[in-house]
PDB file of N, CA and C in Angstrom:
ATOM      1  N   MET A   1       0.731  -1.720   0.158  1.00  0.00           N
ATOM      2  CA  MET A   1      -0.050  -0.226   0.208  1.00  0.00           C
ATOM      3  C   MET A   1       1.161   1.533  -0.265  1.00  0.00           C
ATOM      4  N   PRO A   2       2.379   1.418   0.301  1.00  0.00           N
ATOM      5  CA  PRO A   2       2.806   2.549   0.166  1.00  0.00           C
ATOM      6  C   PRO A   2       2.889   3.109  -1.851  1.00  0.00           C
ATOM      7  N   ILE A   3       3.099   2.177  -2.141  1.00  0.00           N
ATOM      8  CA  ILE A   3       3.347   2.963  -3.727  1.00  0.00           C
ATOM      9  C   ILE A   3       1.839   3.237  -3.421  1.00  0.00           C
ATOM     10  N   VAL A   4       0.616   2.909  -3.264  1.00  0.00           N
ATOM     11  CA  VAL A   4      -0.405   3.579  -3.932  1.00  0.00           C
ATOM     12  C   VAL A   4      -0.341   4.465  -3.289  1.00  0.00           C
ATOM     13  N   LYS A   5       0.076   4.835  -2.310  1.00  0.00           N
ATOM     14  CA  LYS A   5       0.011   6.156  -0.720  1.00  0.00           C
ATOM     15  C   LYS A   5       0.770   7.153  -2.000  1.00  0.00           C
ATOM     16  N   ASN A   6       2.124   6.578  -2.642  1.00  0.00           N
ATOM     17  CA  ASN A   6       2.986   8.242  -2.725  1.00  0.00           C
ATOM     18  C   ASN A   6       2.541   8.322  -4.173  1.00  0.00           C
ATOM     19  N   LEU A   7       1.807   7.210  -4.601  1.00  0.00           N
ATOM     20  CA  LEU A   7       1.711   7.527  -5.943  1.00  0.00           C
ATOM     21  C   LEU A   7       0.188   8.620  -6.106  1.00  0.00           C
ATOM     22  N   ALA A   8      -0.646   8.473  -4.653  1.00  0.00           N
ATOM     23  CA  ALA A   8      -1.821   9.149  -5.207  1.00  0.00           C
ATOM     24  C   ALA A   8      -1.714  10.630  -4.559  1.00  0.00           C
ATOM     25  N   THR A   9      -0.580  10.734  -3.882  1.00  0.00           N
ATOM     26  CA  THR A   9       0.243  11.846  -3.595  1.00  0.00           C
ATOM     27  C   THR A   9       1.016  12.696  -4.548  1.00  0.00           C
ATOM     28  N   SER A  10       1.319  12.205  -5.064  1.00  0.00           N
ATOM     29  CA  SER A  10       2.176  12.988  -6.199  1.00  0.00           C
ATOM     30  C   SER A  10       1.187  13.109  -7.022  1.00  0.00           C
ATOM     31  N   ALA A  11      -0.024  12.242  -7.650  1.00  0.00           N
ATOM     32  CA  ALA A  11      -1.398  12.574  -8.711  1.00  0.00           C
ATOM     33  C   ALA A  11      -1.466  14.468  -7.889  1.00  0.00           C
ATOM     34  N   GLY A  12      -1.904  14.237  -6.889  1.00  0.00           N
ATOM     35  CA  GLY A  12      -2.390  15.638  -6.306  1.00  0.00           C
ATOM     36  C   GLY A  12      -1.642  16.464  -6.440  1.00  0.00           C
ATOM     37  N   GLN A  13      -0.815  16.314  -5.993  1.00  0.00           N
ATOM     38  CA  GLN A  13       1.345  17.579  -5.917  1.00  0.00           C
ATOM     39  C   GLN A  13       0.657  18.084  -7.534  1.00  0.00           C
ATOM     40  N   GLU A  14       0.597  17.013  -8.671  1.00  0.00           N
ATOM     41  CA  GLU A  14       1.088  17.790  -9.712  1.00  0.00           C
ATOM     42  C   GLU A  14      -0.816  17.831 -10.447  1.00  0.00           C
ATOM     43  N   ALA A  15      -1.590  17.514  -9.859  1.00  0.00           N
ATOM     44  CA  ALA A  15      -3.174  18.260 -10.423  1.00  0.00           C
ATOM     45  C   ALA A  15      -2.828  19.463  -9.915  1.00  0.00           C
ATOM     46  N   VAL A  16      -2.478  19.868  -8.868  1.00  0.00           N
ATOM     47  CA  VAL A  16      -2.760  21.410  -8.522  1.00  0.00           C
ATOM     48  C   VAL A  16      -1.229  21.902  -8.554  1.00  0.00           C
ATOM     49  N   ASN A  17       0.023  21.838  -9.603  1.00  0.00           N
ATOM     50  CA  ASN A  17       0.285  22.467 -10.304  1.00  0.00           C
ATOM     51  C   ASN A  17       0.114  22.544 -11.588  1.00  0.00           C
ATOM     52  N   VAL A  18      -1.107  21.500 -12.143  1.00  0.00           N
ATOM     53  CA  VAL A  18      -1.269  21.561 -13.526  1.00  0.00           C
ATOM     54  C   VAL A  18      -2.713  22.774 -13.553  1.00  0.00           C
ATOM     55  N   GLY A  19      -3.087  22.656 -12.494  1.00  0.00           N
ATOM     56  CA  GLY A  19      -4.487  23.647 -12.253  1.00  0.00           C
ATOM     57  C   GLY A  19      -3.628  24.940 -12.011  1.00  0.00           C
ATOM     58  N   LYS A  20      -3.147  25.368 -11.602  1.00  0.00           N
ATOM     59  CA  LYS A  20      -1.946  26.608 -11.273  1.00  0.00           C
ATOM     60  C   LYS A  20      -1.488  26.891 -12.573  1.00  0.00           C
ATOM     61  N   ASN A  21      -1.461  26.210 -13.189  1.00  0.00           N
ATOM     62  CA  ASN A  21      -0.373  26.738 -14.946  1.00  0.00           C
ATOM     63  C   ASN A  21      -1.604  27.061 -15.556  1.00  0.00           C
ATOM     64  N   ILE A  22      -2.008  26.371 -15.254  1.00  0.00           N
ATOM     65  CA  ILE A  22      -3.195  26.837 -16.238  1.00  0.00           C
ATOM     66  C   ILE A  22      -4.199  28.142 -16.166  1.00  0.00           C
ATOM     67  N   LEU A  23      -4.396  28.544 -14.806  1.00  0.00           N
ATOM     68  CA  LEU A  23      -4.754  29.693 -14.342  1.00  0.00           C
ATOM     69  C   LEU A  23      -4.054  30.773 -14.691  1.00  0.00           C
ATOM     70  N   GLU A  24      -2.614  30.434 -14.602  1.00  0.00           N
ATOM     71  CA  GLU A  24      -1.190  31.345 -15.061  1.00  0.00           C
ATOM     72  C   GLU A  24      -1.447  31.769 -16.407  1.00  0.00           C
ATOM     73  N   ASP A  25      -1.861  30.550 -17.695  1.00  0.00           N
ATOM     74  CA  ASP A  25      -1.995  30.827 -18.825  1.00  0.00           C
ATOM     75  C   ASP A  25      -2.975  31.735 -18.956  1.00  0.00           C
ATOM     76  N   VAL A  26      -4.259  31.011 -18.437  1.00  0.00           N
ATOM     77  CA  VAL A  26      -5.740  31.569 -19.040  1.00  0.00           C
ATOM     78  C   VAL A  26      -5.796  33.369 -18.502  1.00  0.00           C
ATOM     79  N   SER A  27      -4.708  33.962 -17.314  1.00  0.00           N
ATOM     80  CA  SER A  27      -4.661  35.149 -17.457  1.00  0.00           C
ATOM     81  C   SER A  27      -3.909  35.690 -18.073  1.00  0.00           C
ATOM     82  N   GLN A  28      -2.922  34.814 -19.002  1.00  0.00           N
ATOM     83  CA  GLN A  28      -1.814  36.007 -19.920  1.00  0.00           C
ATOM     84  C   GLN A  28      -2.981  35.906 -20.765  1.00  0.00           C
ATOM     85  N   GLY A  29      -3.954  35.045 -21.448  1.00  0.00           N
ATOM     86  CA  GLY A  29      -4.595  35.081 -22.398  1.00  0.00           C
ATOM     87  C   GLY A  29      -4.713  33.890 -23.549  1.00  0.00           C
ATOM     88  N   ARG A  30      -4.332  32.917 -23.462  1.00  0.00           N
ATOM     89  CA  ARG A  30      -4.922  31.185 -24.187  1.00  0.00           C
ATOM     90  C   ARG A  30      -5.749  31.126 -23.620  1.00  0.00           C
ATOM     91  N   SER A  31      -6.323  30.391 -24.353  1.00  0.00           N
ATOM     92  CA  SER A  31      -7.555  30.259 -24.221  1.00  0.00           C
ATOM     93  C   SER A  31      -7.264  29.162 -23.282  1.00  0.00           C
ATOM     94  N   VAL A  32      -8.600  28.264 -22.793  1.00  0.00           N
ATOM     95  CA  VAL A  32      -9.290  27.603 -21.658  1.00  0.00           C
ATOM     96  C   VAL A  32      -8.588  25.946 -22.060  1.00  0.00           C
ATOM     97  N   SER A  33      -8.948  26.113 -23.068  1.00  0.00           N
ATOM     98  CA  SER A  33      -9.069  24.605 -23.905  1.00  0.00           C
ATOM     99  C   SER A  33      -8.018  24.157 -24.494  1.00  0.00           C
ATOM    100  N   GLU A  34      -7.037  25.307 -24.513  1.00  0.00           N
ATOM    101  CA  GLU A  34      -5.654  25.245 -25.271  1.00  0.00           C
ATOM    102  C   GLU A  34      -4.469  24.822 -23.889  1.00  0.00           C
ATOM    103  N   ALA A  35      -4.895  25.820 -23.236  1.00  0.00           N
ATOM    104  CA  ALA A  35      -3.839  25.579 -21.992  1.00  0.00           C
ATOM    105  C   ALA A  35      -3.841  23.483 -20.812  1.00  0.00           C
ATOM    106  N   MET A  36      -5.718  23.919 -21.044  1.00  0.00           N
ATOM    107  CA  MET A  36      -5.761  22.474 -20.424  1.00  0.00           C
ATOM    108  C   MET A  36      -5.089  21.440 -21.475  1.00  0.00           C
ATOM    109  N   LYS A  37      -5.161  21.354 -22.583  1.00  0.00           N
ATOM    110  CA  LYS A  37      -4.501  20.408 -23.300  1.00  0.00           C
ATOM    111  C   LYS A  37      -2.758  20.431 -22.962  1.00  0.00           C
ATOM    112  N   GLN A  38      -2.068  21.267 -22.901  1.00  0.00           N
ATOM    113  CA  GLN A  38      -0.825  21.193 -22.802  1.00  0.00           C
ATOM    114  C   GLN A  38      -0.648  20.702 -21.576  1.00  0.00           C
ATOM    115  N   HIS A  39      -1.355  21.512 -20.886  1.00  0.00           N
ATOM    116  CA  HIS A  39      -0.837  21.048 -19.383  1.00  0.00           C
ATOM    117  C   HIS A  39      -1.170  19.763 -19.076  1.00  0.00           C
ATOM    118  N   GLY A  40      -2.235  19.313 -19.133  1.00  0.00           N
ATOM    119  CA  GLY A  40      -3.133  18.000 -18.920  1.00  0.00           C
ATOM    120  C   GLY A  40      -1.678  16.806 -19.339  1.00  0.00           C
ATOM    121  N   SER A  41      -1.746  17.278 -20.122  1.00  0.00           N
ATOM    122  CA  SER A  41      -0.690  16.133 -20.843  1.00  0.00           C
ATOM    123  C   SER A  41       0.463  16.120 -20.459  1.00  0.00           C
ATOM    124  N   GLU A  42       1.043  17.074 -20.336  1.00  0.00           N
ATOM    125  CA  GLU A  42       2.544  17.453 -19.682  1.00  0.00           C
ATOM    126  C   GLU A  42       2.951  16.832 -17.653  1.00  0.00           C
ATOM    127  N   GLY A  43       1.156  17.069 -16.887  1.00  0.00           N
ATOM    128  CA  GLY A  43       0.692  16.219 -15.999  1.00  0.00           C
ATOM    129  C   GLY A  43       0.849  15.949 -15.726  1.00  0.00           C
ATOM    130  N   LEU A  44       0.127  14.444 -16.883  1.00  0.00           N
ATOM    131  CA  LEU A  44      -0.312  12.992 -17.034  1.00  0.00           C
ATOM    132  C   LEU A  44       0.676  12.244 -17.228  1.00  0.00           C
ATOM    133  N   GLN A  45       1.847  12.670 -18.603  1.00  0.00           N
ATOM    134  CA  GLN A  45       3.507  12.297 -18.595  1.00  0.00           C
ATOM    135  C   GLN A  45       4.446  11.690 -17.148  1.00  0.00           C
ATOM    136  N   LYS A  46       4.156  13.531 -16.493  1.00  0.00           N
ATOM    137  CA  LYS A  46       5.271  13.528 -14.930  1.00  0.00           C
ATOM    138  C   LYS A  46       4.851  12.524 -13.982  1.00  0.00           C
ATOM    139  N   VAL A  47       3.105  11.749 -14.296  1.00  0.00           N
ATOM    140  CA  VAL A  47       2.928  10.878 -13.542  1.00  0.00           C
ATOM    141  C   VAL A  47       2.990   9.238 -13.673  1.00  0.00           C
ATOM    142  N   GLY A  48       2.844   9.532 -14.860  1.00  0.00           N
ATOM    143  CA  GLY A  48       3.664   8.540 -15.749  1.00  0.00           C
ATOM    144  C   GLY A  48       5.187   7.435 -15.246  1.00  0.00           C
ATOM    145  N   LYS A  49       5.645   8.459 -15.256  1.00  0.00           N
ATOM    146  CA  LYS A  49       7.185   8.303 -14.702  1.00  0.00           C
ATOM    147  C   LYS A  49       7.416   8.480 -13.501  1.00  0.00           C
ATOM    148  N   LYS A  50       6.330   8.676 -12.778  1.00  0.00           N
ATOM    149  CA  LYS A  50       6.431   8.153 -11.492  1.00  0.00           C
ATOM    150  C   LYS A  50       5.855   6.923 -10.850  1.00  0.00           C
ATOM    151  N   LEU A  51       5.215   6.617 -11.626  1.00  0.00           N
ATOM    152  CA  LEU A  51       4.494   5.284 -11.607  1.00  0.00           C
ATOM    153  C   LEU A  51       5.566   4.163 -11.965  1.00  0.00           C
ATOM    154  N   GLN A  52       6.128   4.436 -13.521  1.00  0.00           N
ATOM    155  CA  GLN A  52       7.512   3.646 -13.836  1.00  0.00           C
ATOM    156  C   GLN A  52       8.434   3.578 -12.836  1.00  0.00           C
ATOM    157  N   GLN A  53       8.327   4.486 -12.388  1.00  0.00           N
ATOM    158  CA  GLN A  53       9.701   4.425 -11.057  1.00  0.00           C
ATOM    159  C   GLN A  53       9.653   4.003 -10.175  1.00  0.00           C
ATOM    160  N   CYS A  54       8.854   3.931  -9.435  1.00  0.00           N
ATOM    161  CA  CYS A  54       7.633   3.491  -8.444  1.00  0.00           C
ATOM    162  C   CYS A  54       8.074   2.159  -8.230  1.00  0.00           C
ATOM    163  N   GLY A  55       8.714   1.651  -6.980  1.00  0.00           N
ATOM    164  CA  GLY A  55       8.901   0.491  -6.382  1.00  0.00           C
ATOM    165  C   GLY A  55       9.859  -0.093  -7.472  1.00  0.00           C
ATOM    166  N   LYS A  56      10.964   0.263  -7.803  1.00  0.00           N
ATOM    167  CA  LYS A  56      11.897  -0.930  -8.049  1.00  0.00           C
ATOM    168  C   LYS A  56      13.028  -1.045  -7.788  1.00  0.00           C
ATOM    169  N   GLY A  57      14.257  -2.392  -7.516  1.00  0.00           N
ATOM    170  CA  GLY A  57      14.976  -1.472  -7.489  1.00  0.00           C
ATOM    171  C   GLY A  57      15.357  -2.489  -6.359  1.00  0.00           C
ATOM    172  N   LYS A  58      16.140  -2.998  -5.856  1.00  0.00           N
ATOM    173  CA  LYS A  58      16.553  -3.559  -4.937  1.00  0.00           C
ATOM    174  C   LYS A  58      16.479  -3.311  -3.420  1.00  0.00           C
ATOM    175  N   ARG A  59      16.096  -3.673  -2.438  1.00  0.00           N
ATOM    176  CA  ARG A  59      16.620  -2.825  -0.551  1.00  0.00           C
ATOM    177  C   ARG A  59      17.380  -3.820  -0.399  1.00  0.00           C
ATOM    178  N   LYS A  60      18.073  -2.679   0.427  1.00  0.00           N
ATOM    179  CA  LYS A  60      19.648  -2.852   0.959  1.00  0.00           C
ATOM    180  C   LYS A  60      19.244  -3.674   2.240  1.00  0.00           C
TER     181      LYS A  60
END
């Protein structure tokens, strides 16, 4: 279960970052849908990388 908890925490933090980035772009004049497409896909890629790294390797 620690892996799931770690992944959920990372996903939550990334969701906050994505929301912040979208709001910044909208305040600078970009369309909401364009900002969501860009930052949403970037956020999913970051969470995917965390998932790949999670739980691998030997314990000492």
